[in-house]
C-alpha cells in the first residue's frame, strides 16, 4: 500500500520548517509537503500559489489560517482535511493586522481592508476533522466546537495552546480520518 501523501499548510506569519515539531510528527504517518502562504496577499492569489501543490495529495492538514484554507481546498478538490485550531472567519482575524508590520521572522508585510475582505469563511464539511486545543490563547476553542460539532467531526484536547500541543496524540485520529 502506498504511503499517505499530505499537504501541511501553515498559519499566518509562519514559514516552512522541515524540522518543526508538527512536520516531524506527521512524517511518522505520511510523506509531507508543506506550504506557508503569505496571507497578506488576496485569497485568489493564495489559491493560485497552492494549486500546483494539490496534485497527488491524499489529505490536507492546516493550522490556524491554514486550517481555514484546507477547508476551502477540500471543497475545490473533494479530498479530506484536518483543521487544527482553525480560524473560522479570516476577516476579523486578519483585520487585527491592518497596516504595515513585521512577522515573527522579521519579514515586512502590509495588510489592507481589501485583502482581508477577499477571504471567505471556514467551510464546514463531512470531509473534515477538526482538532482543538481547549486552552488556545488566540482562538475561542469552545465557540469553534459549538459551531462545528453539529456539522462535522471535532476532537478536543484539554490544555494545549494555539500552536497545538497534541500532535503526537492526534496521529491516530489523523490516520483514521485519512483511511475512512
N, C-alpha and C. Protein backbone atom coordinates (compact mmCIF):
# COMPACT_ATOMS: atom_id res chain seq x y z
N UNK A 1 0.84 -1.19 0.00
CA UNK A 1 0.00 0.00 0.00
C UNK A 1 0.88 1.24 0.00
N UNK A 2 0.52 2.22 -0.81
CA UNK A 2 1.30 3.44 -0.92
C UNK A 2 1.19 4.26 0.36
N UNK A 3 2.23 4.97 0.66
CA UNK A 3 2.28 5.82 1.85
C UNK A 3 1.37 7.03 1.66
N UNK A 4 0.72 7.45 2.71
CA UNK A 4 -0.16 8.62 2.71
C UNK A 4 0.63 9.86 2.28
N UNK A 5 0.03 10.63 1.37
CA UNK A 5 0.64 11.88 0.90
C UNK A 5 -0.18 13.04 1.46
N UNK A 6 0.48 13.91 2.22
CA UNK A 6 -0.29 15.03 2.76
C UNK A 6 0.38 16.35 2.50
N UNK A 7 -0.46 17.37 2.43
CA UNK A 7 0.00 18.74 2.29
C UNK A 7 -0.34 19.44 3.60
N UNK A 8 0.70 19.95 4.27
CA UNK A 8 0.54 20.67 5.52
C UNK A 8 0.63 22.16 5.24
N UNK A 9 -0.39 22.90 5.66
CA UNK A 9 -0.45 24.34 5.39
C UNK A 9 -0.35 25.11 6.70
N UNK A 10 0.63 25.97 6.75
CA UNK A 10 0.91 26.77 7.94
C UNK A 10 -0.09 27.91 8.10
N UNK A 11 -0.05 28.50 9.28
CA UNK A 11 -0.89 29.64 9.61
C UNK A 11 -0.21 30.97 9.28
N UNK A 12 -0.86 32.03 9.72
CA UNK A 12 -0.42 33.40 9.45
C UNK A 12 0.97 33.65 10.02
N UNK A 13 1.83 34.26 9.23
CA UNK A 13 3.16 34.66 9.69
C UNK A 13 4.12 33.51 9.93
N UNK A 14 3.81 32.32 9.43
CA UNK A 14 4.67 31.16 9.64
C UNK A 14 5.59 30.95 8.45
N UNK A 15 6.47 29.99 8.61
CA UNK A 15 7.35 29.60 7.50
C UNK A 15 7.51 28.08 7.54
N UNK A 16 7.88 27.53 6.41
CA UNK A 16 8.10 26.09 6.32
C UNK A 16 9.40 25.75 7.04
N UNK A 17 9.30 24.83 7.99
CA UNK A 17 10.46 24.34 8.72
C UNK A 17 10.37 22.82 8.78
N UNK A 18 11.11 22.12 7.91
CA UNK A 18 11.05 20.66 7.89
C UNK A 18 11.37 20.01 9.24
N UNK A 19 12.06 20.73 10.12
CA UNK A 19 12.39 20.20 11.43
C UNK A 19 11.41 20.66 12.51
N UNK A 20 10.36 21.38 12.11
CA UNK A 20 9.34 21.80 13.06
C UNK A 20 8.63 20.60 13.65
N UNK A 21 8.16 20.73 14.88
CA UNK A 21 7.58 19.60 15.59
C UNK A 21 6.40 18.97 14.87
N UNK A 22 5.54 19.76 14.25
CA UNK A 22 4.39 19.19 13.55
C UNK A 22 4.82 18.36 12.35
N UNK A 23 5.73 18.88 11.55
CA UNK A 23 6.18 18.13 10.38
C UNK A 23 6.92 16.86 10.79
N UNK A 24 7.74 16.93 11.81
CA UNK A 24 8.46 15.74 12.28
C UNK A 24 7.45 14.68 12.72
N UNK A 25 6.43 15.08 13.47
CA UNK A 25 5.40 14.12 13.90
C UNK A 25 4.64 13.56 12.72
N UNK A 26 4.20 14.42 11.81
CA UNK A 26 3.40 13.97 10.67
C UNK A 26 4.16 13.02 9.76
N UNK A 27 5.47 13.17 9.67
CA UNK A 27 6.26 12.26 8.82
C UNK A 27 6.25 10.83 9.36
N UNK A 28 5.81 10.62 10.58
CA UNK A 28 5.67 9.27 11.11
C UNK A 28 4.55 8.50 10.43
N UNK A 29 3.58 9.24 9.87
CA UNK A 29 2.42 8.59 9.25
C UNK A 29 2.28 8.89 7.76
N UNK A 30 3.09 9.82 7.22
CA UNK A 30 2.88 10.24 5.83
C UNK A 30 4.12 10.91 5.26
N UNK A 31 4.12 11.03 3.95
CA UNK A 31 5.07 11.91 3.27
C UNK A 31 4.46 13.30 3.33
N UNK A 32 5.24 14.28 3.73
CA UNK A 32 4.72 15.62 3.99
C UNK A 32 5.33 16.64 3.05
N UNK A 33 4.46 17.38 2.38
CA UNK A 33 4.85 18.61 1.69
C UNK A 33 4.25 19.74 2.49
N UNK A 34 4.95 20.85 2.60
CA UNK A 34 4.45 21.96 3.40
C UNK A 34 4.42 23.24 2.57
N UNK A 35 3.49 24.11 2.96
CA UNK A 35 3.29 25.39 2.28
C UNK A 35 2.96 26.43 3.34
N UNK A 36 3.64 27.56 3.28
CA UNK A 36 3.38 28.67 4.20
C UNK A 36 2.92 29.86 3.37
N UNK A 37 1.60 30.02 3.22
CA UNK A 37 1.09 31.14 2.42
C UNK A 37 1.42 32.49 3.04
N UNK A 38 1.50 33.48 2.21
CA UNK A 38 1.59 34.87 2.67
C UNK A 38 0.16 35.40 2.70
N UNK A 39 -0.46 35.33 3.87
CA UNK A 39 -1.87 35.71 4.00
C UNK A 39 -2.09 37.22 3.86
N UNK A 40 -1.02 37.99 3.66
CA UNK A 40 -1.16 39.41 3.35
C UNK A 40 -1.39 39.61 1.85
N UNK A 41 -1.60 38.50 1.14
CA UNK A 41 -1.96 38.52 -0.27
C UNK A 41 -3.44 38.18 -0.39
N UNK A 42 -4.10 38.62 -1.46
CA UNK A 42 -5.52 38.28 -1.63
C UNK A 42 -5.73 36.77 -1.71
N UNK A 43 -6.89 36.34 -1.27
CA UNK A 43 -7.26 34.93 -1.26
C UNK A 43 -7.06 34.27 -2.62
N UNK A 44 -7.46 34.94 -3.69
CA UNK A 44 -7.32 34.37 -5.04
C UNK A 44 -5.85 34.09 -5.37
N UNK A 45 -4.95 34.93 -4.91
CA UNK A 45 -3.53 34.70 -5.16
C UNK A 45 -3.02 33.50 -4.36
N UNK A 46 -3.49 33.35 -3.12
CA UNK A 46 -3.11 32.19 -2.31
C UNK A 46 -3.55 30.90 -3.03
N UNK A 47 -4.79 30.90 -3.54
CA UNK A 47 -5.27 29.72 -4.26
C UNK A 47 -4.42 29.43 -5.48
N UNK A 48 -4.03 30.47 -6.19
CA UNK A 48 -3.19 30.29 -7.38
C UNK A 48 -1.83 29.69 -6.99
N UNK A 49 -1.26 30.13 -5.89
CA UNK A 49 0.04 29.64 -5.46
C UNK A 49 -0.02 28.20 -4.95
N UNK A 50 -1.12 27.81 -4.30
CA UNK A 50 -1.20 26.48 -3.72
C UNK A 50 -1.65 25.43 -4.75
N UNK A 51 -2.32 25.83 -5.79
CA UNK A 51 -2.87 24.88 -6.77
C UNK A 51 -1.85 23.88 -7.31
N UNK A 52 -0.63 24.29 -7.67
CA UNK A 52 0.33 23.29 -8.17
C UNK A 52 0.70 22.22 -7.13
N UNK A 53 0.48 22.49 -5.86
CA UNK A 53 0.84 21.55 -4.80
C UNK A 53 -0.25 20.52 -4.52
N UNK A 54 -1.42 20.67 -5.12
CA UNK A 54 -2.57 19.83 -4.80
C UNK A 54 -2.53 18.46 -5.46
N UNK A 55 -1.73 18.31 -6.49
CA UNK A 55 -1.66 17.05 -7.23
C UNK A 55 -1.05 15.97 -6.34
N UNK A 56 -1.59 14.79 -6.42
CA UNK A 56 -1.08 13.61 -5.71
C UNK A 56 -1.11 13.75 -4.19
N UNK A 57 -2.01 14.58 -3.67
CA UNK A 57 -2.18 14.72 -2.23
C UNK A 57 -3.41 13.93 -1.81
N UNK A 58 -3.28 13.15 -0.72
CA UNK A 58 -4.39 12.37 -0.20
C UNK A 58 -5.17 13.12 0.88
N UNK A 59 -4.48 14.00 1.60
CA UNK A 59 -5.06 14.66 2.78
C UNK A 59 -4.43 16.03 2.94
N UNK A 60 -5.27 17.00 3.32
CA UNK A 60 -4.80 18.34 3.65
C UNK A 60 -4.85 18.50 5.16
N UNK A 61 -3.80 19.09 5.73
CA UNK A 61 -3.79 19.43 7.15
C UNK A 61 -3.34 20.88 7.25
N UNK A 62 -4.04 21.65 8.07
CA UNK A 62 -3.65 23.04 8.26
C UNK A 62 -3.91 23.51 9.68
N UNK A 63 -3.08 24.44 10.13
CA UNK A 63 -3.26 25.03 11.45
C UNK A 63 -3.63 26.50 11.33
N UNK A 64 -4.55 26.93 12.19
CA UNK A 64 -4.98 28.32 12.29
C UNK A 64 -5.52 28.80 10.93
N UNK A 65 -4.88 29.78 10.30
CA UNK A 65 -5.33 30.21 8.97
C UNK A 65 -5.18 29.06 7.97
N UNK A 66 -4.19 28.21 8.17
CA UNK A 66 -4.05 27.02 7.32
C UNK A 66 -5.23 26.08 7.50
N UNK A 67 -5.80 26.03 8.72
CA UNK A 67 -7.00 25.23 8.97
C UNK A 67 -8.19 25.75 8.20
N UNK A 68 -8.31 27.07 8.15
CA UNK A 68 -9.34 27.68 7.30
C UNK A 68 -9.11 27.28 5.84
N UNK A 69 -7.86 27.43 5.38
CA UNK A 69 -7.56 27.21 3.96
C UNK A 69 -7.81 25.76 3.54
N UNK A 70 -7.48 24.79 4.39
CA UNK A 70 -7.70 23.40 3.98
C UNK A 70 -9.18 23.08 3.85
N UNK A 71 -10.04 23.78 4.59
CA UNK A 71 -11.48 23.55 4.42
C UNK A 71 -11.91 23.96 3.02
N UNK A 72 -11.33 25.02 2.52
CA UNK A 72 -11.65 25.50 1.18
C UNK A 72 -11.01 24.64 0.09
N UNK A 73 -9.80 24.14 0.33
CA UNK A 73 -9.16 23.25 -0.64
C UNK A 73 -9.92 21.94 -0.76
N UNK A 74 -10.48 21.48 0.34
CA UNK A 74 -11.31 20.28 0.30
C UNK A 74 -12.54 20.50 -0.59
N UNK A 75 -13.13 21.67 -0.47
CA UNK A 75 -14.30 22.00 -1.30
C UNK A 75 -13.91 21.95 -2.78
N UNK A 76 -12.74 22.46 -3.11
CA UNK A 76 -12.30 22.52 -4.50
C UNK A 76 -11.92 21.15 -5.07
N UNK A 77 -11.38 20.27 -4.22
CA UNK A 77 -10.82 19.01 -4.71
C UNK A 77 -11.61 17.77 -4.32
N UNK A 78 -12.45 17.88 -3.28
CA UNK A 78 -13.16 16.71 -2.77
C UNK A 78 -12.33 15.83 -1.85
N UNK A 79 -11.11 16.28 -1.53
CA UNK A 79 -10.22 15.50 -0.67
C UNK A 79 -10.46 15.82 0.80
N UNK A 80 -10.17 14.86 1.69
CA UNK A 80 -10.38 15.09 3.13
C UNK A 80 -9.37 16.08 3.69
N UNK A 81 -9.74 16.63 4.86
CA UNK A 81 -8.85 17.59 5.51
C UNK A 81 -8.92 17.46 7.03
N UNK A 82 -7.85 17.94 7.66
CA UNK A 82 -7.80 18.06 9.11
C UNK A 82 -7.46 19.52 9.39
N UNK A 83 -8.33 20.19 10.14
CA UNK A 83 -8.12 21.60 10.51
C UNK A 83 -7.78 21.65 11.99
N UNK A 84 -6.61 22.19 12.30
CA UNK A 84 -6.13 22.26 13.68
C UNK A 84 -6.25 23.70 14.17
N UNK A 85 -7.01 23.88 15.26
CA UNK A 85 -7.24 25.22 15.81
C UNK A 85 -7.54 26.21 14.69
N UNK A 86 -8.55 25.90 13.84
CA UNK A 86 -8.75 26.71 12.64
C UNK A 86 -9.38 28.08 12.92
N UNK A 87 -9.03 29.03 12.06
CA UNK A 87 -9.70 30.33 12.03
C UNK A 87 -11.04 30.11 11.33
N UNK A 88 -12.12 30.55 11.97
CA UNK A 88 -13.46 30.40 11.39
C UNK A 88 -13.78 31.50 10.40
N UNK A 89 -13.35 32.71 10.72
CA UNK A 89 -13.65 33.86 9.87
C UNK A 89 -12.38 34.71 9.72
N UNK A 90 -11.70 34.60 8.59
CA UNK A 90 -10.45 35.34 8.41
C UNK A 90 -10.59 36.86 8.48
N UNK A 91 -11.73 37.41 8.10
CA UNK A 91 -11.87 38.87 8.07
C UNK A 91 -11.54 39.51 9.42
N UNK A 92 -12.21 39.15 10.52
CA UNK A 92 -11.85 39.80 11.78
C UNK A 92 -10.45 39.41 12.28
N UNK A 93 -10.04 38.19 11.98
CA UNK A 93 -8.71 37.76 12.42
C UNK A 93 -7.62 38.56 11.73
N UNK A 94 -7.69 38.66 10.41
CA UNK A 94 -6.67 39.40 9.66
C UNK A 94 -6.78 40.90 9.86
N UNK A 95 -7.97 41.39 10.15
CA UNK A 95 -8.16 42.83 10.35
C UNK A 95 -7.37 43.36 11.55
N UNK A 96 -7.02 42.49 12.46
CA UNK A 96 -6.19 42.90 13.60
C UNK A 96 -4.80 43.34 13.15
N UNK A 97 -4.42 42.97 11.92
CA UNK A 97 -3.07 43.24 11.43
C UNK A 97 -3.05 44.27 10.30
N UNK A 98 -4.10 45.11 10.22
CA UNK A 98 -4.12 46.13 9.17
C UNK A 98 -2.92 47.06 9.31
N UNK A 99 -2.37 47.43 8.16
CA UNK A 99 -1.20 48.30 8.15
C UNK A 99 0.05 47.52 7.79
N UNK A 100 1.19 48.13 7.99
CA UNK A 100 2.47 47.51 7.68
C UNK A 100 3.13 47.06 8.99
N UNK A 101 3.56 45.80 9.01
CA UNK A 101 4.13 45.20 10.22
C UNK A 101 5.26 44.25 9.84
N UNK A 102 5.89 43.68 10.85
CA UNK A 102 6.86 42.60 10.64
C UNK A 102 6.34 41.35 11.32
N UNK A 103 6.53 40.20 10.64
CA UNK A 103 6.12 38.94 11.24
C UNK A 103 7.19 38.44 12.21
N UNK A 104 6.99 37.24 12.76
CA UNK A 104 7.92 36.67 13.74
C UNK A 104 9.32 36.46 13.19
N UNK A 105 9.45 36.43 11.89
CA UNK A 105 10.74 36.16 11.26
C UNK A 105 11.38 37.42 10.67
N UNK A 106 10.80 38.59 10.97
CA UNK A 106 11.36 39.85 10.51
C UNK A 106 10.97 40.25 9.10
N UNK A 107 10.03 39.50 8.49
CA UNK A 107 9.57 39.85 7.14
C UNK A 107 8.50 40.94 7.24
N UNK A 108 8.60 41.93 6.40
CA UNK A 108 7.62 43.01 6.38
C UNK A 108 6.43 42.63 5.51
N UNK A 109 5.23 42.95 5.98
CA UNK A 109 4.01 42.72 5.21
C UNK A 109 3.07 43.89 5.42
N UNK A 110 2.18 44.07 4.45
CA UNK A 110 1.15 45.11 4.55
C UNK A 110 -0.21 44.46 4.36
N UNK A 111 -1.08 44.66 5.35
CA UNK A 111 -2.44 44.11 5.31
C UNK A 111 -3.40 45.27 5.04
N UNK A 112 -4.25 45.10 4.02
CA UNK A 112 -5.22 46.15 3.68
C UNK A 112 -6.65 45.64 3.88
N UNK A 113 -7.62 46.54 4.02
CA UNK A 113 -9.01 46.09 4.12
C UNK A 113 -9.46 45.26 2.92
N UNK A 114 -8.97 45.60 1.74
CA UNK A 114 -9.36 44.83 0.54
C UNK A 114 -8.85 43.39 0.63
N UNK A 115 -7.65 43.22 1.15
CA UNK A 115 -7.11 41.86 1.29
C UNK A 115 -7.93 41.08 2.31
N UNK A 116 -8.19 41.66 3.47
CA UNK A 116 -8.94 40.93 4.50
C UNK A 116 -10.34 40.56 4.00
N UNK A 117 -10.94 41.45 3.23
CA UNK A 117 -12.30 41.19 2.71
C UNK A 117 -12.31 40.12 1.62
N UNK A 118 -11.16 39.80 1.06
CA UNK A 118 -11.12 38.81 -0.03
C UNK A 118 -11.26 37.37 0.47
N UNK A 119 -11.13 37.14 1.77
CA UNK A 119 -11.16 35.79 2.32
C UNK A 119 -12.56 35.38 2.72
N UNK A 120 -13.03 34.22 2.23
CA UNK A 120 -14.32 33.68 2.70
C UNK A 120 -14.13 33.05 4.08
N UNK A 121 -15.20 32.56 4.66
CA UNK A 121 -15.14 31.90 5.96
C UNK A 121 -14.78 30.43 5.82
N UNK A 122 -14.43 29.81 6.94
CA UNK A 122 -14.21 28.37 7.04
C UNK A 122 -15.45 27.66 6.50
N UNK A 123 -15.26 26.53 5.85
CA UNK A 123 -16.37 25.79 5.28
C UNK A 123 -16.49 24.42 5.97
N UNK A 124 -17.51 24.28 6.80
CA UNK A 124 -17.75 23.00 7.48
C UNK A 124 -18.09 21.94 6.44
N UNK A 125 -17.58 20.71 6.67
CA UNK A 125 -17.78 19.65 5.70
C UNK A 125 -17.63 18.30 6.40
N UNK A 126 -18.37 17.31 5.91
CA UNK A 126 -18.20 15.96 6.45
C UNK A 126 -16.87 15.34 6.01
N UNK A 127 -16.13 16.00 5.14
CA UNK A 127 -14.81 15.54 4.73
C UNK A 127 -13.73 15.97 5.72
N UNK A 128 -14.14 16.77 6.71
CA UNK A 128 -13.15 17.34 7.61
C UNK A 128 -13.17 16.77 9.01
N UNK A 129 -12.02 16.85 9.65
CA UNK A 129 -11.82 16.57 11.06
C UNK A 129 -11.22 17.83 11.66
N UNK A 130 -11.77 18.29 12.79
CA UNK A 130 -11.24 19.46 13.47
C UNK A 130 -10.61 19.01 14.78
N UNK A 131 -9.39 19.46 15.02
CA UNK A 131 -8.67 19.18 16.25
C UNK A 131 -8.47 20.49 17.00
N UNK A 132 -8.88 20.51 18.27
CA UNK A 132 -8.82 21.74 19.06
C UNK A 132 -8.07 21.53 20.36
N UNK A 133 -7.12 22.41 20.64
CA UNK A 133 -6.55 22.52 21.97
C UNK A 133 -7.45 23.50 22.71
N UNK A 134 -8.01 23.07 23.84
CA UNK A 134 -9.04 23.86 24.51
C UNK A 134 -8.49 25.09 25.24
N UNK A 135 -7.19 25.19 25.40
CA UNK A 135 -6.61 26.40 26.01
C UNK A 135 -5.90 27.27 24.97
N UNK A 136 -6.39 27.24 23.73
CA UNK A 136 -5.87 28.09 22.67
C UNK A 136 -6.03 29.54 23.12
N UNK A 137 -4.93 30.26 23.15
CA UNK A 137 -4.94 31.64 23.62
C UNK A 137 -5.35 32.65 22.56
N UNK A 138 -5.46 32.25 21.30
CA UNK A 138 -5.81 33.16 20.22
C UNK A 138 -7.20 32.95 19.65
N UNK A 139 -7.67 31.72 19.65
CA UNK A 139 -8.96 31.40 19.06
C UNK A 139 -9.83 30.76 20.13
N UNK A 140 -11.10 31.13 20.16
CA UNK A 140 -12.03 30.61 21.16
C UNK A 140 -12.43 29.18 20.77
N UNK A 141 -11.74 28.21 21.37
CA UNK A 141 -11.95 26.80 21.02
C UNK A 141 -13.37 26.34 21.33
N UNK A 142 -13.93 26.85 22.41
CA UNK A 142 -15.28 26.44 22.78
C UNK A 142 -16.31 26.95 21.77
N UNK A 143 -16.11 28.15 21.27
CA UNK A 143 -17.01 28.69 20.24
C UNK A 143 -16.86 27.88 18.95
N UNK A 144 -15.63 27.53 18.59
CA UNK A 144 -15.40 26.71 17.40
C UNK A 144 -16.07 25.36 17.55
N UNK A 145 -15.93 24.76 18.71
CA UNK A 145 -16.55 23.46 18.98
C UNK A 145 -18.08 23.56 18.87
N UNK A 146 -18.67 24.58 19.48
CA UNK A 146 -20.13 24.75 19.42
C UNK A 146 -20.61 24.94 17.98
N UNK A 147 -19.86 25.69 17.21
CA UNK A 147 -20.23 25.97 15.82
C UNK A 147 -20.11 24.75 14.92
N UNK A 148 -19.02 23.98 15.07
CA UNK A 148 -18.73 22.91 14.11
C UNK A 148 -19.21 21.52 14.51
N UNK A 149 -19.29 21.23 15.80
CA UNK A 149 -19.62 19.87 16.24
C UNK A 149 -20.94 19.34 15.67
N UNK A 150 -21.96 20.17 15.49
CA UNK A 150 -23.19 19.63 14.89
C UNK A 150 -23.04 19.25 13.42
N UNK A 151 -21.99 19.76 12.75
CA UNK A 151 -21.85 19.58 11.31
C UNK A 151 -20.72 18.65 10.88
N UNK A 152 -19.75 18.44 11.79
CA UNK A 152 -18.58 17.66 11.39
C UNK A 152 -17.89 17.08 12.61
N UNK A 153 -16.91 16.23 12.38
CA UNK A 153 -16.18 15.58 13.46
C UNK A 153 -15.21 16.56 14.12
N UNK A 154 -15.35 16.72 15.45
CA UNK A 154 -14.49 17.62 16.22
C UNK A 154 -13.92 16.82 17.38
N UNK A 155 -12.61 16.89 17.55
CA UNK A 155 -11.95 16.22 18.68
C UNK A 155 -11.21 17.28 19.48
N UNK A 156 -11.42 17.28 20.81
CA UNK A 156 -10.79 18.28 21.66
C UNK A 156 -9.73 17.64 22.55
N UNK A 157 -8.76 18.46 22.91
CA UNK A 157 -7.69 18.07 23.83
C UNK A 157 -7.67 19.10 24.96
N UNK A 158 -7.67 18.64 26.19
CA UNK A 158 -7.58 19.56 27.32
C UNK A 158 -6.21 20.22 27.32
N UNK A 159 -6.19 21.47 27.76
CA UNK A 159 -4.93 22.22 27.81
C UNK A 159 -4.47 22.61 26.43
N UNK A 160 -3.16 22.62 26.26
CA UNK A 160 -2.59 22.97 24.97
C UNK A 160 -2.53 24.47 24.74
N UNK A 161 -2.42 24.84 23.46
CA UNK A 161 -2.26 26.24 23.08
C UNK A 161 -2.55 26.39 21.59
N UNK A 162 -2.40 27.61 21.09
CA UNK A 162 -2.70 27.86 19.68
C UNK A 162 -1.77 27.08 18.74
N UNK A 163 -0.55 26.87 19.15
CA UNK A 163 0.39 26.14 18.29
C UNK A 163 0.06 24.65 18.23
N UNK A 164 -0.82 24.17 19.07
CA UNK A 164 -1.31 22.79 19.15
C UNK A 164 -0.24 21.88 19.76
N UNK A 165 -0.47 21.52 21.00
CA UNK A 165 0.48 20.76 21.79
C UNK A 165 0.26 19.25 21.73
N UNK A 166 -0.69 18.80 20.92
CA UNK A 166 -1.08 17.38 20.95
C UNK A 166 -0.93 16.64 19.62
N UNK A 167 0.05 17.01 18.83
CA UNK A 167 0.20 16.38 17.52
C UNK A 167 0.47 14.89 17.65
N UNK A 168 1.34 14.50 18.54
CA UNK A 168 1.64 13.07 18.69
C UNK A 168 0.37 12.29 19.04
N UNK A 169 -0.44 12.80 19.96
CA UNK A 169 -1.68 12.13 20.34
C UNK A 169 -2.69 12.12 19.19
N UNK A 170 -2.60 13.07 18.30
CA UNK A 170 -3.56 13.19 17.20
C UNK A 170 -3.23 12.31 16.00
N UNK A 171 -2.04 11.74 15.95
CA UNK A 171 -1.64 10.97 14.76
C UNK A 171 -2.61 9.83 14.45
N UNK A 172 -3.08 9.12 15.45
CA UNK A 172 -4.01 8.01 15.21
C UNK A 172 -5.34 8.54 14.66
N UNK A 173 -5.80 9.68 15.18
CA UNK A 173 -7.04 10.29 14.67
C UNK A 173 -6.88 10.71 13.21
N UNK A 174 -5.73 11.29 12.90
CA UNK A 174 -5.46 11.75 11.53
C UNK A 174 -5.43 10.54 10.58
N UNK A 175 -4.74 9.50 10.98
CA UNK A 175 -4.65 8.29 10.15
C UNK A 175 -6.03 7.69 9.93
N UNK A 176 -6.82 7.58 10.98
CA UNK A 176 -8.17 7.02 10.85
C UNK A 176 -9.03 7.88 9.93
N UNK A 177 -8.89 9.21 10.03
CA UNK A 177 -9.67 10.10 9.17
C UNK A 177 -9.25 9.93 7.70
N UNK A 178 -7.97 9.81 7.45
CA UNK A 178 -7.48 9.64 6.08
C UNK A 178 -7.94 8.31 5.49
N UNK A 179 -8.10 7.30 6.34
CA UNK A 179 -8.47 5.96 5.87
C UNK A 179 -9.96 5.76 5.66
N UNK A 180 -10.78 6.68 6.10
CA UNK A 180 -12.22 6.44 6.02
C UNK A 180 -12.79 6.62 4.64
